[in-house]
C-alpha atoms as a PDB file:
ATOM      1  CA  MET A   1     113.079 213.562  69.056  1.00  0.00           C
ATOM      2  CA  LEU A   2     111.047 211.993  66.470  1.00  0.00           C
ATOM      3  CA  MET A   3     109.442 208.048  67.061  1.00  0.00           C
ATOM      4  CA  THR A   4     109.241 206.171  63.935  1.00  0.00           C
ATOM      5  CA  VAL A   5     106.455 203.026  64.607  1.00  0.00           C
ATOM      6  CA  TYR A   6     107.570 200.068  61.833  1.00  0.00           C
ATOM      7  CA  CYS A   7     105.565 197.119  60.537  1.00  0.00           C
ATOM      8  CA  GLY A   8     107.267 194.428  59.654  1.00  0.00           C
ATOM      9  CA  GLY A   9     103.900 193.076  58.188  1.00  0.00           C
ATOM     10  CA  CYS A  10     103.264 196.304  55.529  1.00  0.00           C
ATOM     11  CA  ARG A  11     106.485 197.712  55.912  1.00  0.00           C
ATOM     12  CA  ARG A  12     104.525 200.818  56.784  1.00  0.00           C
ATOM     13  CA  ARG A  13     106.604 203.079  58.604  1.00  0.00           C
ATOM     14  CA  VAL A  14     104.943 206.484  60.315  1.00  0.00           C
ATOM     15  CA  HIS A  15     106.772 209.158  63.112  1.00  0.00           C
ATOM     16  CA  TYR A  16     105.407 210.688  65.589  1.00  0.00           C
ATOM     17  CA  TRP A  17     107.452 213.870  67.780  1.00  0.00           C
ATOM     18  CA  ALA A  18     108.105 211.963  71.247  1.00  0.00           C
ATOM     19  CA  SER A  19     106.274 215.520  72.976  1.00  0.00           C
ATOM     20  CA  ASP A  20     103.008 214.362  70.742  1.00  0.00           C
ATOM     21  CA  LEU A  21     102.482 211.085  71.774  1.00  0.00           C
ATOM     22  CA  VAL A  22     103.561 212.236  75.670  1.00  0.00           C
ATOM     23  CA  LYS A  23     100.394 214.094  75.045  1.00  0.00           C
ATOM     24  CA  VAL A  24      98.229 211.701  74.231  1.00  0.00           C
ATOM     25  CA  LEU A  25      99.253 208.546  75.229  1.00  0.00           C
ATOM     26  CA  ASP A  26      99.551 207.112  79.498  1.00  0.00           C
ATOM     27  CA  ARG A  27     102.179 208.997  81.203  1.00  0.00           C
ATOM     28  CA  PHE A  28     103.819 205.340  82.476  1.00  0.00           C
ATOM     29  CA  HIS A  29     103.724 204.083  78.615  1.00  0.00           C
ATOM     30  CA  GLU A  30     106.733 202.075  77.429  1.00  0.00           C
ATOM     31  CA  ALA A  31     108.965 203.835  74.642  1.00  0.00           C
ATOM     32  CA  HIS A  32     109.381 200.936  72.697  1.00  0.00           C
ATOM     33  CA  ASP A  33     105.976 199.332  73.145  1.00  0.00           C
ATOM     34  CA  PRO A  34     103.687 200.421  70.074  1.00  0.00           C
ATOM     35  CA  PRO A  35     100.948 202.263  71.084  1.00  0.00           C
ATOM     36  CA  TRP A  36      98.308 201.726  68.847  1.00  0.00           C
ATOM     37  CA  PRO A  37      98.151 198.313  66.333  1.00  0.00           C
ATOM     38  CA  CYS A  38      98.733 199.207  62.455  1.00  0.00           C
ATOM     39  CA  SER A  39      96.389 200.844  61.056  1.00  0.00           C
ATOM     40  CA  ARG A  40      96.900 199.330  57.326  1.00  0.00           C
ATOM     41  CA  CYS A  41      97.179 195.310  58.303  1.00  0.00           C
ATOM     42  CA  ARG A  42      95.453 195.782  62.402  1.00  0.00           C
ATOM     43  CA  SER A  43      97.785 193.970  63.593  1.00  0.00           C
ATOM     44  CA  ARG A  44     100.318 194.455  66.209  1.00  0.00           C
ATOM     45  CA  GLU A  45     102.768 191.636  65.690  1.00  0.00           C
ATOM     46  CA  TYR A  46     105.256 193.264  63.348  1.00  0.00           C
ATOM     47  CA  LEU A  47     105.268 196.852  65.013  1.00  0.00           C
ATOM     48  CA  ALA A  48     109.092 198.030  66.181  1.00  0.00           C
ATOM     49  CA  MET A  49     109.196 201.203  67.644  1.00  0.00           C
ATOM     50  CA  THR A  50     112.571 203.416  67.170  1.00  0.00           C
ATOM     51  CA  TRP A  51     113.618 207.004  68.677  1.00  0.00           C
ATOM     52  CA  HIS A  52     116.246 209.527  66.664  1.00  0.00           C
ATOM     53  CA  VAL A  53     117.200 213.146  66.093  1.00  0.00           C
ATOM     54  CA  PRO A  54     116.305 214.244  62.407  1.00  0.00           C
ATOM     55  CA  SER A  55     119.209 215.713  61.323  1.00  0.00           C
ATOM     56  CA  ALA A  56     117.885 219.338  58.840  1.00  0.00           C
ATOM     57  CA  ALA A  57     118.463 218.202  55.561  1.00  0.00           C
ATOM     58  CA  GLU A  58     116.138 215.524  56.509  1.00  0.00           C
ATOM     59  CA  LEU A  59     113.396 218.207  57.373  1.00  0.00           C
ATOM     60  CA  ALA A  60     114.619 220.337  55.201  1.00  0.00           C
ATOM     61  CA  SER A  61     113.723 217.225  52.514  1.00  0.00           C
ATOM     62  CA  GLY A  62     110.012 217.097  53.673  1.00  0.00           C
ATOM     63  CA  LEU A  63     109.802 214.865  56.377  1.00  0.00           C
ATOM     64  CA  THR A  64     106.022 213.601  56.820  1.00  0.00           C
ATOM     65  CA  VAL A  65     105.325 213.430  60.706  1.00  0.00           C
ATOM     66  CA  ARG A  66     101.722 212.241  61.795  1.00  0.00           C
ATOM     67  CA  ARG A  67     100.496 215.178  64.319  1.00  0.00           C
ATOM     68  CA  PRO A  68      97.709 214.997  66.627  1.00  0.00           C
ATOM     69  CA  VAL A  69      94.543 217.854  65.452  1.00  0.00           C
ATOM     70  CA  LYS A  70      91.579 217.510  67.848  1.00  0.00           C
ATOM     71  CA  LYS A  71      89.844 214.565  70.363  1.00  0.00           C
ATOM     72  CA  ILE A  72      86.388 214.142  69.181  1.00  0.00           C
ATOM     73  CA  GLU A  73      83.916 212.547  71.787  1.00  0.00           C
ATOM     74  CA  LYS A  74      81.471 210.505  70.448  1.00  0.00           C
ATOM     75  CA  TRP A  75      77.870 209.283  71.732  1.00  0.00           C
ATOM     76  CA  ILE A  76      77.745 205.659  72.759  1.00  0.00           C
ATOM     77  CA  TRP A  77      73.947 205.430  72.164  1.00  0.00           C
ATOM     78  CA  ARG A  78      71.952 201.831  73.807  1.00  0.00           C
ATOM     79  CA  ASN A  79      68.502 200.477  73.478  1.00  0.00           C
ATOM     80  CA  GLU A  80      66.175 200.143  76.531  1.00  0.00           C
ATOM     81  CA  ARG A  81      63.067 198.717  77.829  1.00  0.00           C
ATOM     82  CA  ALA A  82      60.677 201.941  78.888  1.00  0.00           C
END
């Protein structure tokens, strides 16, 4: 299943495999609720999430799907008085 996030503000459309989103998100996350704000316009206000099963012709035409690569842990530092 292919999950599509569409931003009506900047008209950006991004596709994700549903199985990848299950691995990344909390298991109780609602399917109609976008997981994060739009990376281009930084807004959640205009996002809509839909799903469909892609056809063979759609996959053969070179459909671009975002996939997770790796999770990065980052150290956060703070200054303290000795």
